[in-house]
């Protein structure tokens, strides 16, 4: 699987996410769970959190009925809440539906 994933928001801005691996710091950021199907990746969950480490340790997505075991977590660190919020809104407006939205702030 790719180590990086570029996701385009409604504004046309491209946000680079990296595949989550190992232990992560408590820095806030945006995250996306993606699913591979028929050779392409689809965002199935888009979210933001004050602590990306929390997202990984609590595995919030996998408590959702829509989750599948092979879904992959990609993250984008954003320490500033205003930037995190703005990017999250741009992604929500730009991604094709349906997907699950998590806002853990």
PDB file of N, CA and C in Angstrom:
ATOM      1  N   UNK A   1       0.846  -1.177   0.000  1.00  0.00           N
ATOM      2  CA  UNK A   1       0.000   0.000   0.000  1.00  0.00           C
ATOM      3  C   UNK A   1       0.889   1.236   0.000  1.00  0.00           C
ATOM      4  N   UNK A   2       0.416   2.292  -0.622  1.00  0.00           N
ATOM      5  CA  UNK A   2       1.166   3.537  -0.724  1.00  0.00           C
ATOM      6  C   UNK A   2       1.448   4.121   0.659  1.00  0.00           C
ATOM      7  N   UNK A   3       2.664   4.681   0.858  1.00  0.00           N
ATOM      8  CA  UNK A   3       2.945   5.330   2.141  1.00  0.00           C
ATOM      9  C   UNK A   3       2.268   6.695   2.269  1.00  0.00           C
ATOM     10  N   UNK A   4       1.903   7.309   1.125  1.00  0.00           N
ATOM     11  CA  UNK A   4       1.245   8.609   1.134  1.00  0.00           C
ATOM     12  C   UNK A   4      -0.004   8.555   0.275  1.00  0.00           C
ATOM     13  N   UNK A   5      -0.963   9.400   0.643  1.00  0.00           N
ATOM     14  CA  UNK A   5      -2.217   9.482  -0.096  1.00  0.00           C
ATOM     15  C   UNK A   5      -2.596  10.952  -0.198  1.00  0.00           C
ATOM     16  N   UNK A   6      -2.810  11.441  -1.407  1.00  0.00           N
ATOM     17  CA  UNK A   6      -3.248  12.822  -1.616  1.00  0.00           C
ATOM     18  C   UNK A   6      -4.757  12.836  -1.787  1.00  0.00           C
ATOM     19  N   UNK A   7      -5.421  13.687  -0.989  1.00  0.00           N
ATOM     20  CA  UNK A   7      -6.873  13.828  -1.060  1.00  0.00           C
ATOM     21  C   UNK A   7      -7.177  15.287  -1.373  1.00  0.00           C
ATOM     22  N   UNK A   8      -8.019  15.516  -2.357  1.00  0.00           N
ATOM     23  CA  UNK A   8      -8.354  16.870  -2.793  1.00  0.00           C
ATOM     24  C   UNK A   8      -9.637  17.346  -2.130  1.00  0.00           C
ATOM     25  N   UNK A   9      -9.587  18.563  -1.591  1.00  0.00           N
ATOM     26  CA  UNK A   9     -10.758  19.172  -0.975  1.00  0.00           C
ATOM     27  C   UNK A   9     -11.585  19.915  -2.006  1.00  0.00           C
ATOM     28  N   UNK A  10     -12.725  20.450  -1.579  1.00  0.00           N
ATOM     29  CA  UNK A  10     -13.629  21.182  -2.461  1.00  0.00           C
ATOM     30  C   UNK A  10     -12.963  22.418  -3.053  1.00  0.00           C
ATOM     31  N   UNK A  11     -12.014  23.018  -2.333  1.00  0.00           N
ATOM     32  CA  UNK A  11     -11.331  24.222  -2.800  1.00  0.00           C
ATOM     33  C   UNK A  11     -10.315  23.924  -3.894  1.00  0.00           C
ATOM     34  N   UNK A  12     -10.015  22.649  -4.084  1.00  0.00           N
ATOM     35  CA  UNK A  12      -8.971  22.256  -5.027  1.00  0.00           C
ATOM     36  C   UNK A  12      -7.633  22.027  -4.348  1.00  0.00           C
ATOM     37  N   UNK A  13      -7.539  22.374  -3.069  1.00  0.00           N
ATOM     38  CA  UNK A  13      -6.308  22.132  -2.317  1.00  0.00           C
ATOM     39  C   UNK A  13      -6.103  20.630  -2.165  1.00  0.00           C
ATOM     40  N   UNK A  14      -4.852  20.212  -2.263  1.00  0.00           N
ATOM     41  CA  UNK A  14      -4.513  18.795  -2.122  1.00  0.00           C
ATOM     42  C   UNK A  14      -3.849  18.604  -0.765  1.00  0.00           C
ATOM     43  N   UNK A  15      -4.370  17.678   0.004  1.00  0.00           N
ATOM     44  CA  UNK A  15      -3.857  17.395   1.339  1.00  0.00           C
ATOM     45  C   UNK A  15      -3.154  16.045   1.321  1.00  0.00           C
ATOM     46  N   UNK A  16      -1.908  16.035   1.767  1.00  0.00           N
ATOM     47  CA  UNK A  16      -1.120  14.805   1.784  1.00  0.00           C
ATOM     48  C   UNK A  16      -1.257  14.132   3.148  1.00  0.00           C
ATOM     49  N   UNK A  17      -1.728  12.906   3.121  1.00  0.00           N
ATOM     50  CA  UNK A  17      -1.856  12.066   4.308  1.00  0.00           C
ATOM     51  C   UNK A  17      -0.787  10.973   4.228  1.00  0.00           C
ATOM     52  N   UNK A  18      -0.320  10.519   5.370  1.00  0.00           N
ATOM     53  CA  UNK A  18       0.627   9.403   5.369  1.00  0.00           C
ATOM     54  C   UNK A  18       0.011   8.215   6.084  1.00  0.00           C
ATOM     55  N   UNK A  19       0.406   7.048   5.645  1.00  0.00           N
ATOM     56  CA  UNK A  19      -0.106   5.819   6.257  1.00  0.00           C
ATOM     57  C   UNK A  19       0.371   5.749   7.699  1.00  0.00           C
ATOM     58  N   UNK A  20      -0.542   5.511   8.600  1.00  0.00           N
ATOM     59  CA  UNK A  20      -0.209   5.415  10.019  1.00  0.00           C
ATOM     60  C   UNK A  20       0.536   4.109  10.272  1.00  0.00           C
ATOM     61  N   UNK A  21       1.659   4.231  10.940  1.00  0.00           N
ATOM     62  CA  UNK A  21       2.430   3.054  11.314  1.00  0.00           C
ATOM     63  C   UNK A  21       2.975   3.259  12.720  1.00  0.00           C
ATOM     64  N   UNK A  22       2.954   2.216  13.497  1.00  0.00           N
ATOM     65  CA  UNK A  22       3.520   2.283  14.834  1.00  0.00           C
ATOM     66  C   UNK A  22       2.808   3.249  15.751  1.00  0.00           C
ATOM     67  N   UNK A  23       3.510   3.656  16.785  1.00  0.00           N
ATOM     68  CA  UNK A  23       2.953   4.553  17.799  1.00  0.00           C
ATOM     69  C   UNK A  23       3.016   5.994  17.308  1.00  0.00           C
ATOM     70  N   UNK A  24       1.967   6.750  17.564  1.00  0.00           N
ATOM     71  CA  UNK A  24       1.905   8.132  17.115  1.00  0.00           C
ATOM     72  C   UNK A  24       1.868   9.084  18.293  1.00  0.00           C
ATOM     73  N   UNK A  25       2.325  10.305  18.039  1.00  0.00           N
ATOM     74  CA  UNK A  25       2.330  11.325  19.085  1.00  0.00           C
ATOM     75  C   UNK A  25       0.908  11.825  19.346  1.00  0.00           C
ATOM     76  N   UNK A  26       0.726  12.580  20.419  1.00  0.00           N
ATOM     77  CA  UNK A  26      -0.603  13.095  20.738  1.00  0.00           C
ATOM     78  C   UNK A  26      -0.973  14.358  19.961  1.00  0.00           C
ATOM     79  N   UNK A  27      -0.211  14.718  18.943  1.00  0.00           N
ATOM     80  CA  UNK A  27      -0.514  15.910  18.145  1.00  0.00           C
ATOM     81  C   UNK A  27      -1.852  15.724  17.435  1.00  0.00           C
ATOM     82  N   UNK A  28      -2.594  16.800  17.306  1.00  0.00           N
ATOM     83  CA  UNK A  28      -3.876  16.762  16.615  1.00  0.00           C
ATOM     84  C   UNK A  28      -3.705  16.668  15.115  1.00  0.00           C
ATOM     85  N   UNK A  29      -4.797  16.330  14.449  1.00  0.00           N
ATOM     86  CA  UNK A  29      -4.732  16.261  13.002  1.00  0.00           C
ATOM     87  C   UNK A  29      -6.006  15.738  12.375  1.00  0.00           C
ATOM     88  N   UNK A  30      -5.897  15.522  11.085  1.00  0.00           N
ATOM     89  CA  UNK A  30      -6.990  14.964  10.298  1.00  0.00           C
ATOM     90  C   UNK A  30      -6.646  13.517   9.978  1.00  0.00           C
ATOM     91  N   UNK A  31      -7.663  12.717   9.761  1.00  0.00           N
ATOM     92  CA  UNK A  31      -7.405  11.319   9.419  1.00  0.00           C
ATOM     93  C   UNK A  31      -8.453  10.824   8.453  1.00  0.00           C
ATOM     94  N   UNK A  32      -8.090   9.789   7.737  1.00  0.00           N
ATOM     95  CA  UNK A  32      -9.018   9.161   6.800  1.00  0.00           C
ATOM     96  C   UNK A  32      -8.772   7.666   6.820  1.00  0.00           C
ATOM     97  N   UNK A  33      -9.840   6.905   6.901  1.00  0.00           N
ATOM     98  CA  UNK A  33      -9.753   5.468   6.690  1.00  0.00           C
ATOM     99  C   UNK A  33     -10.127   5.233   5.239  1.00  0.00           C
ATOM    100  N   UNK A  34      -9.318   4.446   4.561  1.00  0.00           N
ATOM    101  CA  UNK A  34      -9.575   4.163   3.152  1.00  0.00           C
ATOM    102  C   UNK A  34      -9.693   2.662   2.942  1.00  0.00           C
ATOM    103  N   UNK A  35     -10.392   2.331   1.889  1.00  0.00           N
ATOM    104  CA  UNK A  35     -10.637   0.931   1.549  1.00  0.00           C
ATOM    105  C   UNK A  35     -10.245   0.727   0.093  1.00  0.00           C
ATOM    106  N   UNK A  36      -9.521  -0.353  -0.152  1.00  0.00           N
ATOM    107  CA  UNK A  36      -9.157  -0.684  -1.522  1.00  0.00           C
ATOM    108  C   UNK A  36     -10.213  -1.608  -2.102  1.00  0.00           C
ATOM    109  N   UNK A  37     -10.703  -1.246  -3.273  1.00  0.00           N
ATOM    110  CA  UNK A  37     -11.689  -2.062  -3.972  1.00  0.00           C
ATOM    111  C   UNK A  37     -11.489  -1.879  -5.467  1.00  0.00           C
ATOM    112  N   UNK A  38     -11.362  -2.982  -6.150  1.00  0.00           N
ATOM    113  CA  UNK A  38     -11.211  -2.970  -7.603  1.00  0.00           C
ATOM    114  C   UNK A  38     -10.068  -2.073  -8.059  1.00  0.00           C
ATOM    115  N   UNK A  39      -8.954  -2.111  -7.333  1.00  0.00           N
ATOM    116  CA  UNK A  39      -7.757  -1.382  -7.715  1.00  0.00           C
ATOM    117  C   UNK A  39      -7.728   0.090  -7.380  1.00  0.00           C
ATOM    118  N   UNK A  40      -8.745   0.608  -6.712  1.00  0.00           N
ATOM    119  CA  UNK A  40      -8.722   2.017  -6.330  1.00  0.00           C
ATOM    120  C   UNK A  40      -9.027   2.165  -4.845  1.00  0.00           C
ATOM    121  N   UNK A  41      -8.609   3.291  -4.298  1.00  0.00           N
ATOM    122  CA  UNK A  41      -8.847   3.583  -2.894  1.00  0.00           C
ATOM    123  C   UNK A  41     -10.054   4.501  -2.749  1.00  0.00           C
ATOM    124  N   UNK A  42     -10.894   4.211  -1.760  1.00  0.00           N
ATOM    125  CA  UNK A  42     -12.077   5.015  -1.478  1.00  0.00           C
ATOM    126  C   UNK A  42     -12.046   5.422  -0.014  1.00  0.00           C
ATOM    127  N   UNK A  43     -12.290   6.704   0.251  1.00  0.00           N
ATOM    128  CA  UNK A  43     -12.384   7.174   1.632  1.00  0.00           C
ATOM    129  C   UNK A  43     -13.708   6.685   2.201  1.00  0.00           C
ATOM    130  N   UNK A  44     -13.629   5.948   3.312  1.00  0.00           N
ATOM    131  CA  UNK A  44     -14.834   5.439   3.965  1.00  0.00           C
ATOM    132  C   UNK A  44     -15.091   6.134   5.295  1.00  0.00           C
ATOM    133  N   UNK A  45     -14.095   6.895   5.774  1.00  0.00           N
ATOM    134  CA  UNK A  45     -14.234   7.642   7.016  1.00  0.00           C
ATOM    135  C   UNK A  45     -13.288   8.830   6.958  1.00  0.00           C
ATOM    136  N   UNK A  46     -13.788  10.001   7.290  1.00  0.00           N
ATOM    137  CA  UNK A  46     -12.975  11.215   7.315  1.00  0.00           C
ATOM    138  C   UNK A  46     -13.188  11.859   8.676  1.00  0.00           C
ATOM    139  N   UNK A  47     -12.090  12.233   9.327  1.00  0.00           N
ATOM    140  CA  UNK A  47     -12.256  12.797  10.655  1.00  0.00           C
ATOM    141  C   UNK A  47     -11.158  13.741  11.063  1.00  0.00           C
ATOM    142  N   UNK A  48     -11.330  14.283  12.256  1.00  0.00           N
ATOM    143  CA  UNK A  48     -10.331  15.153  12.871  1.00  0.00           C
ATOM    144  C   UNK A  48     -10.314  14.852  14.357  1.00  0.00           C
ATOM    145  N   UNK A  49      -9.168  15.106  14.968  1.00  0.00           N
ATOM    146  CA  UNK A  49      -9.028  14.822  16.388  1.00  0.00           C
ATOM    147  C   UNK A  49      -7.957  15.707  17.012  1.00  0.00           C
ATOM    148  N   UNK A  50      -8.119  16.016  18.289  1.00  0.00           N
ATOM    149  CA  UNK A  50      -7.077  16.741  19.023  1.00  0.00           C
ATOM    150  C   UNK A  50      -5.861  15.875  19.241  1.00  0.00           C
ATOM    151  N   UNK A  51      -6.022  14.560  19.111  1.00  0.00           N
ATOM    152  CA  UNK A  51      -4.913  13.638  19.326  1.00  0.00           C
ATOM    153  C   UNK A  51      -4.987  12.486  18.334  1.00  0.00           C
ATOM    154  N   UNK A  52      -4.099  12.497  17.354  1.00  0.00           N
ATOM    155  CA  UNK A  52      -4.064  11.391  16.402  1.00  0.00           C
ATOM    156  C   UNK A  52      -3.698  10.098  17.125  1.00  0.00           C
ATOM    157  N   UNK A  53      -2.879  10.184  18.143  1.00  0.00           N
ATOM    158  CA  UNK A  53      -2.554   9.001  18.942  1.00  0.00           C
ATOM    159  C   UNK A  53      -3.795   8.348  19.522  1.00  0.00           C
ATOM    160  N   UNK A  54      -4.764   9.158  19.919  1.00  0.00           N
ATOM    161  CA  UNK A  54      -6.024   8.632  20.457  1.00  0.00           C
ATOM    162  C   UNK A  54      -6.768   7.850  19.384  1.00  0.00           C
ATOM    163  N   UNK A  55      -6.780   8.388  18.167  1.00  0.00           N
ATOM    164  CA  UNK A  55      -7.477   7.723  17.068  1.00  0.00           C
ATOM    165  C   UNK A  55      -6.922   6.317  16.875  1.00  0.00           C
ATOM    166  N   UNK A  56      -5.610   6.198  16.936  1.00  0.00           N
ATOM    167  CA  UNK A  56      -4.977   4.894  16.722  1.00  0.00           C
ATOM    168  C   UNK A  56      -5.210   3.967  17.906  1.00  0.00           C
ATOM    169  N   UNK A  57      -5.021   4.460  19.119  1.00  0.00           N
ATOM    170  CA  UNK A  57      -5.141   3.581  20.279  1.00  0.00           C
ATOM    171  C   UNK A  57      -6.585   3.160  20.549  1.00  0.00           C
ATOM    172  N   UNK A  58      -7.534   4.033  20.316  1.00  0.00           N
ATOM    173  CA  UNK A  58      -8.941   3.706  20.576  1.00  0.00           C
ATOM    174  C   UNK A  58      -9.601   3.019  19.388  1.00  0.00           C
ATOM    175  N   UNK A  59      -8.982   3.152  18.208  1.00  0.00           N
ATOM    176  CA  UNK A  59      -9.499   2.525  16.996  1.00  0.00           C
ATOM    177  C   UNK A  59     -10.999   2.786  16.836  1.00  0.00           C
ATOM    178  N   UNK A  60     -11.357   4.059  16.963  1.00  0.00           N
ATOM    179  CA  UNK A  60     -12.766   4.470  16.916  1.00  0.00           C
ATOM    180  C   UNK A  60     -13.484   3.967  15.668  1.00  0.00           C
ATOM    181  N   UNK A  61     -12.813   3.982  14.547  1.00  0.00           N
ATOM    182  CA  UNK A  61     -13.455   3.574  13.301  1.00  0.00           C
ATOM    183  C   UNK A  61     -13.927   2.136  13.379  1.00  0.00           C
ATOM    184  N   UNK A  62     -13.160   1.286  14.017  1.00  0.00           N
ATOM    185  CA  UNK A  62     -13.502  -0.129  14.018  1.00  0.00           C
ATOM    186  C   UNK A  62     -14.648  -0.473  14.959  1.00  0.00           C
ATOM    187  N   UNK A  63     -15.150   0.517  15.683  1.00  0.00           N
ATOM    188  CA  UNK A  63     -16.367   0.296  16.471  1.00  0.00           C
ATOM    189  C   UNK A  63     -17.605   0.670  15.655  1.00  0.00           C
ATOM    190  N   UNK A  64     -17.397   1.185  14.457  1.00  0.00           N
ATOM    191  CA  UNK A  64     -18.492   1.584  13.585  1.00  0.00           C
ATOM    192  C   UNK A  64     -18.964   0.390  12.762  1.00  0.00           C
ATOM    193  N   UNK A  65     -20.251   0.313  12.510  1.00  0.00           N
ATOM    194  CA  UNK A  65     -20.821  -0.807  11.745  1.00  0.00           C
ATOM    195  C   UNK A  65     -20.325  -0.868  10.305  1.00  0.00           C
ATOM    196  N   UNK A  66     -19.837   0.250   9.768  1.00  0.00           N
ATOM    197  CA  UNK A  66     -19.385   0.297   8.378  1.00  0.00           C
ATOM    198  C   UNK A  66     -17.936  -0.146   8.202  1.00  0.00           C
ATOM    199  N   UNK A  67     -17.195  -0.280   9.284  1.00  0.00           N
ATOM    200  CA  UNK A  67     -15.771  -0.606   9.217  1.00  0.00           C
ATOM    201  C   UNK A  67     -15.544  -2.027   8.719  1.00  0.00           C
ATOM    202  N   UNK A  68     -14.394  -2.209   8.076  1.00  0.00           N
ATOM    203  CA  UNK A  68     -13.955  -3.535   7.661  1.00  0.00           C
ATOM    204  C   UNK A  68     -12.519  -3.719   8.130  1.00  0.00           C
ATOM    205  N   UNK A  69     -12.119  -4.942   8.434  1.00  0.00           N
ATOM    206  CA  UNK A  69     -10.792  -5.190   9.005  1.00  0.00           C
ATOM    207  C   UNK A  69      -9.623  -4.714   8.142  1.00  0.00           C
ATOM    208  N   UNK A  70      -9.800  -4.659   6.833  1.00  0.00           N
ATOM    209  CA  UNK A  70      -8.702  -4.257   5.957  1.00  0.00           C
ATOM    210  C   UNK A  70      -8.644  -2.751   5.699  1.00  0.00           C
ATOM    211  N   UNK A  71      -9.527  -1.960   6.305  1.00  0.00           N
ATOM    212  CA  UNK A  71      -9.487  -0.511   6.125  1.00  0.00           C
ATOM    213  C   UNK A  71      -8.158   0.024   6.661  1.00  0.00           C
ATOM    214  N   UNK A  72      -7.593   0.981   5.948  1.00  0.00           N
ATOM    215  CA  UNK A  72      -6.279   1.527   6.290  1.00  0.00           C
ATOM    216  C   UNK A  72      -6.400   2.955   6.793  1.00  0.00           C
ATOM    217  N   UNK A  73      -5.638   3.275   7.829  1.00  0.00           N
ATOM    218  CA  UNK A  73      -5.650   4.614   8.409  1.00  0.00           C
ATOM    219  C   UNK A  73      -4.535   5.460   7.814  1.00  0.00           C
ATOM    220  N   UNK A  74      -4.912   6.636   7.305  1.00  0.00           N
ATOM    221  CA  UNK A  74      -3.957   7.640   6.841  1.00  0.00           C
ATOM    222  C   UNK A  74      -4.164   8.892   7.680  1.00  0.00           C
ATOM    223  N   UNK A  75      -3.063   9.571   8.024  1.00  0.00           N
ATOM    224  CA  UNK A  75      -3.136  10.721   8.929  1.00  0.00           C
ATOM    225  C   UNK A  75      -2.456  11.949   8.328  1.00  0.00           C
ATOM    226  N   UNK A  76      -2.876  13.102   8.828  1.00  0.00           N
ATOM    227  CA  UNK A  76      -2.265  14.384   8.478  1.00  0.00           C
ATOM    228  C   UNK A  76      -2.193  15.180   9.769  1.00  0.00           C
ATOM    229  N   UNK A  77      -0.977  15.433  10.271  1.00  0.00           N
ATOM    230  CA  UNK A  77      -0.814  16.134  11.534  1.00  0.00           C
ATOM    231  C   UNK A  77      -1.031  17.629  11.355  1.00  0.00           C
ATOM    232  N   UNK A  78      -1.832  18.221  12.245  1.00  0.00           N
ATOM    233  CA  UNK A  78      -2.126  19.658  12.277  1.00  0.00           C
ATOM    234  C   UNK A  78      -2.266  20.057  13.730  1.00  0.00           C
ATOM    235  N   UNK A  79      -1.244  20.650  14.290  1.00  0.00           N
ATOM    236  CA  UNK A  79      -1.306  21.028  15.698  1.00  0.00           C
ATOM    237  C   UNK A  79      -2.338  22.119  15.961  1.00  0.00           C
ATOM    238  N   UNK A  80      -2.527  23.012  15.007  1.00  0.00           N
ATOM    239  CA  UNK A  80      -3.453  24.133  15.194  1.00  0.00           C
ATOM    240  C   UNK A  80      -4.897  23.744  14.913  1.00  0.00           C
ATOM    241  N   UNK A  81      -5.762  23.988  15.883  1.00  0.00           N
ATOM    242  CA  UNK A  81      -7.176  23.614  15.736  1.00  0.00           C
ATOM    243  C   UNK A  81      -7.845  24.327  14.577  1.00  0.00           C
ATOM    244  N   UNK A  82      -7.514  25.590  14.342  1.00  0.00           N
ATOM    245  CA  UNK A  82      -8.154  26.342  13.257  1.00  0.00           C
ATOM    246  C   UNK A  82      -7.802  25.740  11.897  1.00  0.00           C
ATOM    247  N   UNK A  83      -6.555  25.364  11.717  1.00  0.00           N
ATOM    248  CA  UNK A  83      -6.129  24.745  10.452  1.00  0.00           C
ATOM    249  C   UNK A  83      -6.791  23.381  10.295  1.00  0.00           C
ATOM    250  N   UNK A  84      -6.778  22.607  11.357  1.00  0.00           N
ATOM    251  CA  UNK A  84      -7.394  21.272  11.351  1.00  0.00           C
ATOM    252  C   UNK A  84      -8.874  21.373  10.970  1.00  0.00           C
ATOM    253  N   UNK A  85      -9.591  22.320  11.571  1.00  0.00           N
ATOM    254  CA  UNK A  85     -11.014  22.501  11.284  1.00  0.00           C
ATOM    255  C   UNK A  85     -11.250  22.915   9.834  1.00  0.00           C
ATOM    256  N   UNK A  86     -10.460  23.867   9.350  1.00  0.00           N
ATOM    257  CA  UNK A  86     -10.625  24.363   7.988  1.00  0.00           C
ATOM    258  C   UNK A  86     -10.368  23.257   6.961  1.00  0.00           C
ATOM    259  N   UNK A  87      -9.303  22.491   7.170  1.00  0.00           N
ATOM    260  CA  UNK A  87      -9.000  21.402   6.246  1.00  0.00           C
ATOM    261  C   UNK A  87     -10.076  20.322   6.301  1.00  0.00           C
ATOM    262  N   UNK A  88     -10.566  20.021   7.483  1.00  0.00           N
ATOM    263  CA  UNK A  88     -11.612  19.012   7.637  1.00  0.00           C
ATOM    264  C   UNK A  88     -12.866  19.418   6.864  1.00  0.00           C
ATOM    265  N   UNK A  89     -13.288  20.670   7.000  1.00  0.00           N
ATOM    266  CA  UNK A  89     -14.470  21.149   6.284  1.00  0.00           C
ATOM    267  C   UNK A  89     -14.271  21.091   4.775  1.00  0.00           C
ATOM    268  N   UNK A  90     -13.079  21.458   4.308  1.00  0.00           N
ATOM    269  CA  UNK A  90     -12.787  21.410   2.876  1.00  0.00           C
ATOM    270  C   UNK A  90     -12.856  19.975   2.367  1.00  0.00           C
ATOM    271  N   UNK A  91     -12.321  19.047   3.139  1.00  0.00           N
ATOM    272  CA  UNK A  91     -12.375  17.636   2.752  1.00  0.00           C
ATOM    273  C   UNK A  91     -13.817  17.126   2.735  1.00  0.00           C
ATOM    274  N   UNK A  92     -14.596  17.471   3.748  1.00  0.00           N
ATOM    275  CA  UNK A  92     -15.988  17.016   3.797  1.00  0.00           C
ATOM    276  C   UNK A  92     -16.777  17.495   2.588  1.00  0.00           C
ATOM    277  N   UNK A  93     -16.519  18.715   2.157  1.00  0.00           N
ATOM    278  CA  UNK A  93     -17.241  19.264   1.007  1.00  0.00           C
ATOM    279  C   UNK A  93     -16.752  18.670  -0.308  1.00  0.00           C
ATOM    280  N   UNK A  94     -15.496  18.217  -0.346  1.00  0.00           N
ATOM    281  CA  UNK A  94     -14.914  17.757  -1.596  1.00  0.00           C
ATOM    282  C   UNK A  94     -14.968  16.269  -1.859  1.00  0.00           C
ATOM    283  N   UNK A  95     -15.133  15.467  -0.826  1.00  0.00           N
ATOM    284  CA  UNK A  95     -15.125  14.016  -1.010  1.00  0.00           C
ATOM    285  C   UNK A  95     -16.487  13.503  -1.472  1.00  0.00           C
ATOM    286  N   UNK A  96     -16.469  12.542  -2.373  1.00  0.00           N
ATOM    287  CA  UNK A  96     -17.746  11.954  -2.807  1.00  0.00           C
ATOM    288  C   UNK A  96     -18.383  11.159  -1.667  1.00  0.00           C
ATOM    289  N   UNK A  97     -19.666  11.265  -1.529  1.00  0.00           N
ATOM    290  CA  UNK A  97     -20.415  10.529  -0.509  1.00  0.00           C
ATOM    291  C   UNK A  97     -20.689   9.128  -1.013  1.00  0.00           C
ATOM    292  N   UNK A  98     -20.947   8.186  -0.161  1.00  0.00           N
ATOM    293  CA  UNK A  98     -21.086   8.311   1.287  1.00  0.00           C
ATOM    294  C   UNK A  98     -19.763   7.982   1.991  1.00  0.00           C
ATOM    295  N   UNK A  99     -19.590   8.523   3.173  1.00  0.00           N
ATOM    296  CA  UNK A  99     -18.516   8.143   4.072  1.00  0.00           C
ATOM    297  C   UNK A  99     -18.914   8.567   5.477  1.00  0.00           C
ATOM    298  N   UNK A 100     -18.267   8.005   6.453  1.00  0.00           N
ATOM    299  CA  UNK A 100     -18.554   8.303   7.857  1.00  0.00           C
ATOM    300  C   UNK A 100     -17.706   9.490   8.277  1.00  0.00           C
ATOM    301  N   UNK A 101     -18.279  10.379   9.077  1.00  0.00           N
ATOM    302  CA  UNK A 101     -17.569  11.570   9.569  1.00  0.00           C
ATOM    303  C   UNK A 101     -17.345  11.434  11.066  1.00  0.00           C
ATOM    304  N   UNK A 102     -16.069  11.590  11.475  1.00  0.00           N
ATOM    305  CA  UNK A 102     -15.733  11.612  12.901  1.00  0.00           C
ATOM    306  C   UNK A 102     -15.120  12.947  13.235  1.00  0.00           C
ATOM    307  N   UNK A 103     -15.593  13.552  14.307  1.00  0.00           N
ATOM    308  CA  UNK A 103     -15.036  14.803  14.809  1.00  0.00           C
ATOM    309  C   UNK A 103     -14.766  14.599  16.277  1.00  0.00           C
ATOM    310  N   UNK A 104     -13.551  14.240  16.594  1.00  0.00           N
ATOM    311  CA  UNK A 104     -13.181  13.909  17.965  1.00  0.00           C
ATOM    312  C   UNK A 104     -12.379  15.061  18.531  1.00  0.00           C
ATOM    313  N   UNK A 105     -13.058  16.176  18.789  1.00  0.00           N
ATOM    314  CA  UNK A 105     -12.391  17.368  19.328  1.00  0.00           C
ATOM    315  C   UNK A 105     -13.073  17.812  20.587  1.00  0.00           C
TER     316      UNK A 105
END
